[in-house]
């Protein structure tokens, strides 16, 4: 087999294994079953203003520590 054919076979096998694993693990979209809201807390921003987590409800929040 040529290198190109070997690479194609490896990619197909990897994809097949990934699909089989995702189905055995419950499939896509199962997510977290018991979701809980994050506790509300407040911090000060760089300018000294208070920021509360509840002010961003429904939005994506990234906390960088």
PDB file of N, CA and C in Angstrom:
ATOM      1  N   UNK A   1       0.836  -1.184   0.000  1.00  0.00           N
ATOM      2  CA  UNK A   1       0.000   0.000   0.000  1.00  0.00           C
ATOM      3  C   UNK A   1       0.878   1.244   0.000  1.00  0.00           C
ATOM      4  N   UNK A   2       0.382   2.235  -0.649  1.00  0.00           N
ATOM      5  CA  UNK A   2       1.126   3.486  -0.675  1.00  0.00           C
ATOM      6  C   UNK A   2       0.863   4.252   0.622  1.00  0.00           C
ATOM      7  N   UNK A   3       1.653   5.246   0.861  1.00  0.00           N
ATOM      8  CA  UNK A   3       1.512   6.067   2.064  1.00  0.00           C
ATOM      9  C   UNK A   3       0.152   6.756   2.086  1.00  0.00           C
ATOM     10  N   UNK A   4      -0.289   7.208   0.944  1.00  0.00           N
ATOM     11  CA  UNK A   4      -1.577   7.892   0.840  1.00  0.00           C
ATOM     12  C   UNK A   4      -2.722   6.957   1.214  1.00  0.00           C
ATOM     13  N   UNK A   5      -2.694   5.724   0.728  1.00  0.00           N
ATOM     14  CA  UNK A   5      -3.727   4.741   1.035  1.00  0.00           C
ATOM     15  C   UNK A   5      -3.696   4.369   2.505  1.00  0.00           C
ATOM     16  N   UNK A   6      -2.515   4.194   3.054  1.00  0.00           N
ATOM     17  CA  UNK A   6      -2.380   3.870   4.472  1.00  0.00           C
ATOM     18  C   UNK A   6      -2.937   4.987   5.351  1.00  0.00           C
ATOM     19  N   UNK A   7      -2.677   6.218   4.976  1.00  0.00           N
ATOM     20  CA  UNK A   7      -3.180   7.354   5.723  1.00  0.00           C
ATOM     21  C   UNK A   7      -4.706   7.415   5.656  1.00  0.00           C
ATOM     22  N   UNK A   8      -5.268   7.171   4.500  1.00  0.00           N
ATOM     23  CA  UNK A   8      -6.724   7.168   4.336  1.00  0.00           C
ATOM     24  C   UNK A   8      -7.359   6.067   5.182  1.00  0.00           C
ATOM     25  N   UNK A   9      -6.782   4.889   5.191  1.00  0.00           N
ATOM     26  CA  UNK A   9      -7.303   3.778   5.990  1.00  0.00           C
ATOM     27  C   UNK A   9      -7.239   4.134   7.475  1.00  0.00           C
ATOM     28  N   UNK A  10      -6.150   4.750   7.920  1.00  0.00           N
ATOM     29  CA  UNK A  10      -5.999   5.138   9.317  1.00  0.00           C
ATOM     30  C   UNK A  10      -7.053   6.171   9.713  1.00  0.00           C
ATOM     31  N   UNK A  11      -7.330   7.122   8.846  1.00  0.00           N
ATOM     32  CA  UNK A  11      -8.337   8.149   9.137  1.00  0.00           C
ATOM     33  C   UNK A  11      -9.726   7.530   9.227  1.00  0.00           C
ATOM     34  N   UNK A  12     -10.054   6.648   8.308  1.00  0.00           N
ATOM     35  CA  UNK A  12     -11.370   5.998   8.315  1.00  0.00           C
ATOM     36  C   UNK A  12     -11.539   5.143   9.565  1.00  0.00           C
ATOM     37  N   UNK A  13     -10.515   4.390   9.936  1.00  0.00           N
ATOM     38  CA  UNK A  13     -10.603   3.565  11.140  1.00  0.00           C
ATOM     39  C   UNK A  13     -10.743   4.423  12.395  1.00  0.00           C
ATOM     40  N   UNK A  14     -10.020   5.518  12.462  1.00  0.00           N
ATOM     41  CA  UNK A  14     -10.122   6.418  13.603  1.00  0.00           C
ATOM     42  C   UNK A  14     -11.526   7.009  13.715  1.00  0.00           C
ATOM     43  N   UNK A  15     -12.089   7.409  12.587  1.00  0.00           N
ATOM     44  CA  UNK A  15     -13.442   7.960  12.588  1.00  0.00           C
ATOM     45  C   UNK A  15     -14.455   6.902  13.022  1.00  0.00           C
ATOM     46  N   UNK A  16     -14.304   5.678  12.527  1.00  0.00           N
ATOM     47  CA  UNK A  16     -15.215   4.602  12.903  1.00  0.00           C
ATOM     48  C   UNK A  16     -15.136   4.306  14.397  1.00  0.00           C
ATOM     49  N   UNK A  17     -13.935   4.282  14.947  1.00  0.00           N
ATOM     50  CA  UNK A  17     -13.775   4.047  16.381  1.00  0.00           C
ATOM     51  C   UNK A  17     -14.374   5.181  17.202  1.00  0.00           C
ATOM     52  N   UNK A  18     -14.225   6.402  16.736  1.00  0.00           N
ATOM     53  CA  UNK A  18     -14.790   7.543  17.459  1.00  0.00           C
ATOM     54  C   UNK A  18     -16.313   7.479  17.474  1.00  0.00           C
ATOM     55  N   UNK A  19     -16.909   7.091  16.365  1.00  0.00           N
ATOM     56  CA  UNK A  19     -18.366   6.962  16.294  1.00  0.00           C
ATOM     57  C   UNK A  19     -18.848   5.849  17.212  1.00  0.00           C
ATOM     58  N   UNK A  20     -18.156   4.715  17.195  1.00  0.00           N
ATOM     59  CA  UNK A  20     -18.548   3.598  18.057  1.00  0.00           C
ATOM     60  C   UNK A  20     -18.412   3.982  19.529  1.00  0.00           C
ATOM     61  N   UNK A  21     -17.359   4.689  19.884  1.00  0.00           N
ATOM     62  CA  UNK A  21     -17.161   5.101  21.270  1.00  0.00           C
ATOM     63  C   UNK A  21     -18.248   6.070  21.716  1.00  0.00           C
ATOM     64  N   UNK A  22     -18.599   7.030  20.857  1.00  0.00           N
ATOM     65  CA  UNK A  22     -19.607   8.014  21.247  1.00  0.00           C
ATOM     66  C   UNK A  22     -20.970   7.366  21.436  1.00  0.00           C
ATOM     67  N   UNK A  23     -21.271   6.348  20.662  1.00  0.00           N
ATOM     68  CA  UNK A  23     -22.554   5.656  20.821  1.00  0.00           C
ATOM     69  C   UNK A  23     -22.557   4.801  22.076  1.00  0.00           C
ATOM     70  N   UNK A  24     -21.437   4.175  22.403  1.00  0.00           N
ATOM     71  CA  UNK A  24     -21.388   3.346  23.603  1.00  0.00           C
ATOM     72  C   UNK A  24     -21.349   4.203  24.865  1.00  0.00           C
ATOM     73  N   UNK A  25     -20.912   5.436  24.747  1.00  0.00           N
ATOM     74  CA  UNK A  25     -20.828   6.327  25.900  1.00  0.00           C
ATOM     75  C   UNK A  25     -22.118   7.107  26.099  1.00  0.00           C
ATOM     76  N   UNK A  26     -23.164   6.763  25.403  1.00  0.00           N
ATOM     77  CA  UNK A  26     -24.437   7.445  25.587  1.00  0.00           C
ATOM     78  C   UNK A  26     -24.808   8.347  24.435  1.00  0.00           C
ATOM     79  N   UNK A  27     -23.950   8.506  23.484  1.00  0.00           N
ATOM     80  CA  UNK A  27     -24.273   9.300  22.314  1.00  0.00           C
ATOM     81  C   UNK A  27     -24.095  10.786  22.543  1.00  0.00           C
ATOM     82  N   UNK A  28     -24.204  11.509  21.480  1.00  0.00           N
ATOM     83  CA  UNK A  28     -24.038  12.950  21.559  1.00  0.00           C
ATOM     84  C   UNK A  28     -25.286  13.583  22.159  1.00  0.00           C
ATOM     85  N   UNK A  29     -25.083  14.662  22.859  1.00  0.00           N
ATOM     86  CA  UNK A  29     -26.206  15.416  23.375  1.00  0.00           C
ATOM     87  C   UNK A  29     -26.724  14.973  24.731  1.00  0.00           C
ATOM     88  N   UNK A  30     -26.074  14.022  25.388  1.00  0.00           N
ATOM     89  CA  UNK A  30     -26.568  13.604  26.690  1.00  0.00           C
ATOM     90  C   UNK A  30     -26.251  14.660  27.742  1.00  0.00           C
ATOM     91  N   UNK A  31     -25.093  15.257  27.670  1.00  0.00           N
ATOM     92  CA  UNK A  31     -24.733  16.359  28.550  1.00  0.00           C
ATOM     93  C   UNK A  31     -24.789  16.024  30.024  1.00  0.00           C
ATOM     94  N   UNK A  32     -24.837  17.059  30.828  1.00  0.00           N
ATOM     95  CA  UNK A  32     -24.899  16.915  32.271  1.00  0.00           C
ATOM     96  C   UNK A  32     -26.350  16.691  32.662  1.00  0.00           C
ATOM     97  N   UNK A  33     -26.588  15.715  33.515  1.00  0.00           N
ATOM     98  CA  UNK A  33     -27.968  15.384  33.868  1.00  0.00           C
ATOM     99  C   UNK A  33     -28.505  16.257  34.992  1.00  0.00           C
ATOM    100  N   UNK A  34     -27.719  16.511  36.014  1.00  0.00           N
ATOM    101  CA  UNK A  34     -28.168  17.305  37.150  1.00  0.00           C
ATOM    102  C   UNK A  34     -27.497  18.666  37.117  1.00  0.00           C
ATOM    103  N   UNK A  35     -28.081  19.567  36.360  1.00  0.00           N
ATOM    104  CA  UNK A  35     -27.493  20.898  36.247  1.00  0.00           C
ATOM    105  C   UNK A  35     -27.945  21.758  37.414  1.00  0.00           C
ATOM    106  N   UNK A  36     -27.022  22.470  37.994  1.00  0.00           N
ATOM    107  CA  UNK A  36     -27.321  23.375  39.089  1.00  0.00           C
ATOM    108  C   UNK A  36     -26.806  24.759  38.720  1.00  0.00           C
ATOM    109  N   UNK A  37     -27.518  25.754  39.163  1.00  0.00           N
ATOM    110  CA  UNK A  37     -27.091  27.127  38.909  1.00  0.00           C
ATOM    111  C   UNK A  37     -25.847  27.431  39.729  1.00  0.00           C
ATOM    112  N   UNK A  38     -24.974  28.229  39.167  1.00  0.00           N
ATOM    113  CA  UNK A  38     -23.774  28.652  39.897  1.00  0.00           C
ATOM    114  C   UNK A  38     -24.194  29.600  41.014  1.00  0.00           C
ATOM    115  N   UNK A  39     -23.533  29.529  42.142  1.00  0.00           N
ATOM    116  CA  UNK A  39     -23.886  30.458  43.227  1.00  0.00           C
ATOM    117  C   UNK A  39     -23.547  31.892  42.825  1.00  0.00           C
ATOM    118  N   UNK A  40     -24.391  32.817  43.240  1.00  0.00           N
ATOM    119  CA  UNK A  40     -24.146  34.215  42.904  1.00  0.00           C
ATOM    120  C   UNK A  40     -22.991  34.749  43.749  1.00  0.00           C
ATOM    121  N   UNK A  41     -22.159  35.554  43.153  1.00  0.00           N
ATOM    122  CA  UNK A  41     -21.077  36.204  43.882  1.00  0.00           C
ATOM    123  C   UNK A  41     -20.759  37.529  43.212  1.00  0.00           C
ATOM    124  N   UNK A  42     -20.080  38.379  43.926  1.00  0.00           N
ATOM    125  CA  UNK A  42     -19.722  39.698  43.408  1.00  0.00           C
ATOM    126  C   UNK A  42     -18.219  39.910  43.540  1.00  0.00           C
ATOM    127  N   UNK A  43     -17.665  40.589  42.560  1.00  0.00           N
ATOM    128  CA  UNK A  43     -16.246  40.956  42.547  1.00  0.00           C
ATOM    129  C   UNK A  43     -16.127  42.389  42.063  1.00  0.00           C
ATOM    130  N   UNK A  44     -14.997  42.965  42.271  1.00  0.00           N
ATOM    131  CA  UNK A  44     -14.740  44.306  41.750  1.00  0.00           C
ATOM    132  C   UNK A  44     -13.916  44.185  40.467  1.00  0.00           C
ATOM    133  N   UNK A  45     -14.253  45.001  39.474  1.00  0.00           N
ATOM    134  CA  UNK A  45     -13.479  44.998  38.242  1.00  0.00           C
ATOM    135  C   UNK A  45     -12.242  45.878  38.411  1.00  0.00           C
ATOM    136  N   UNK A  46     -11.471  46.039  37.358  1.00  0.00           N
ATOM    137  CA  UNK A  46     -10.226  46.801  37.425  1.00  0.00           C
ATOM    138  C   UNK A  46     -10.462  48.264  37.792  1.00  0.00           C
ATOM    139  N   UNK A  47     -11.659  48.772  37.471  1.00  0.00           N
ATOM    140  CA  UNK A  47     -11.986  50.166  37.788  1.00  0.00           C
ATOM    141  C   UNK A  47     -12.602  50.353  39.156  1.00  0.00           C
ATOM    142  N   UNK A  48     -12.826  49.248  39.900  1.00  0.00           N
ATOM    143  CA  UNK A  48     -13.388  49.331  41.237  1.00  0.00           C
ATOM    144  C   UNK A  48     -14.895  49.157  41.301  1.00  0.00           C
ATOM    145  N   UNK A  49     -15.549  48.972  40.153  1.00  0.00           N
ATOM    146  CA  UNK A  49     -17.009  48.792  40.134  1.00  0.00           C
ATOM    147  C   UNK A  49     -17.355  47.353  40.487  1.00  0.00           C
ATOM    148  N   UNK A  50     -18.479  47.183  41.192  1.00  0.00           N
ATOM    149  CA  UNK A  50     -18.927  45.838  41.556  1.00  0.00           C
ATOM    150  C   UNK A  50     -19.555  45.140  40.359  1.00  0.00           C
ATOM    151  N   UNK A  51     -19.209  43.872  40.179  1.00  0.00           N
ATOM    152  CA  UNK A  51     -19.809  43.026  39.143  1.00  0.00           C
ATOM    153  C   UNK A  51     -20.396  41.809  39.834  1.00  0.00           C
ATOM    154  N   UNK A  52     -21.654  41.491  39.528  1.00  0.00           N
ATOM    155  CA  UNK A  52     -22.291  40.313  40.101  1.00  0.00           C
ATOM    156  C   UNK A  52     -22.529  39.293  38.988  1.00  0.00           C
ATOM    157  N   UNK A  53     -22.362  38.045  39.322  1.00  0.00           N
ATOM    158  CA  UNK A  53     -22.595  36.983  38.352  1.00  0.00           C
ATOM    159  C   UNK A  53     -24.045  36.996  37.874  1.00  0.00           C
ATOM    160  N   UNK A  54     -24.974  37.294  38.756  1.00  0.00           N
ATOM    161  CA  UNK A  54     -26.394  37.299  38.391  1.00  0.00           C
ATOM    162  C   UNK A  54     -26.713  38.344  37.319  1.00  0.00           C
ATOM    163  N   UNK A  55     -25.871  39.366  37.177  1.00  0.00           N
ATOM    164  CA  UNK A  55     -26.078  40.369  36.128  1.00  0.00           C
ATOM    165  C   UNK A  55     -25.879  39.789  34.731  1.00  0.00           C
ATOM    166  N   UNK A  56     -25.223  38.650  34.650  1.00  0.00           N
ATOM    167  CA  UNK A  56     -24.912  38.025  33.365  1.00  0.00           C
ATOM    168  C   UNK A  56     -25.706  36.747  33.130  1.00  0.00           C
ATOM    169  N   UNK A  57     -26.823  36.573  33.839  1.00  0.00           N
ATOM    170  CA  UNK A  57     -27.648  35.372  33.689  1.00  0.00           C
ATOM    171  C   UNK A  57     -28.082  35.211  32.231  1.00  0.00           C
ATOM    172  N   UNK A  58     -27.919  33.996  31.706  1.00  0.00           N
ATOM    173  CA  UNK A  58     -28.289  33.702  30.326  1.00  0.00           C
ATOM    174  C   UNK A  58     -27.181  33.979  29.318  1.00  0.00           C
ATOM    175  N   UNK A  59     -26.065  34.493  29.789  1.00  0.00           N
ATOM    176  CA  UNK A  59     -24.934  34.780  28.905  1.00  0.00           C
ATOM    177  C   UNK A  59     -23.777  33.866  29.264  1.00  0.00           C
ATOM    178  N   UNK A  60     -22.862  33.690  28.339  1.00  0.00           N
ATOM    179  CA  UNK A  60     -21.671  32.898  28.590  1.00  0.00           C
ATOM    180  C   UNK A  60     -20.684  33.733  29.390  1.00  0.00           C
ATOM    181  N   UNK A  61     -20.190  33.159  30.489  1.00  0.00           N
ATOM    182  CA  UNK A  61     -19.242  33.860  31.358  1.00  0.00           C
ATOM    183  C   UNK A  61     -17.975  33.027  31.449  1.00  0.00           C
ATOM    184  N   UNK A  62     -16.834  33.663  31.215  1.00  0.00           N
ATOM    185  CA  UNK A  62     -15.537  33.003  31.350  1.00  0.00           C
ATOM    186  C   UNK A  62     -14.833  33.596  32.553  1.00  0.00           C
ATOM    187  N   UNK A  63     -14.525  32.735  33.520  1.00  0.00           N
ATOM    188  CA  UNK A  63     -13.783  33.183  34.695  1.00  0.00           C
ATOM    189  C   UNK A  63     -12.324  32.797  34.512  1.00  0.00           C
ATOM    190  N   UNK A  64     -11.441  33.773  34.588  1.00  0.00           N
ATOM    191  CA  UNK A  64     -10.030  33.545  34.396  1.00  0.00           C
ATOM    192  C   UNK A  64      -9.319  33.861  35.699  1.00  0.00           C
ATOM    193  N   UNK A  65      -8.801  32.836  36.362  1.00  0.00           N
ATOM    194  CA  UNK A  65      -8.119  33.032  37.642  1.00  0.00           C
ATOM    195  C   UNK A  65      -6.631  33.040  37.433  1.00  0.00           C
TER     196      UNK A  65
END
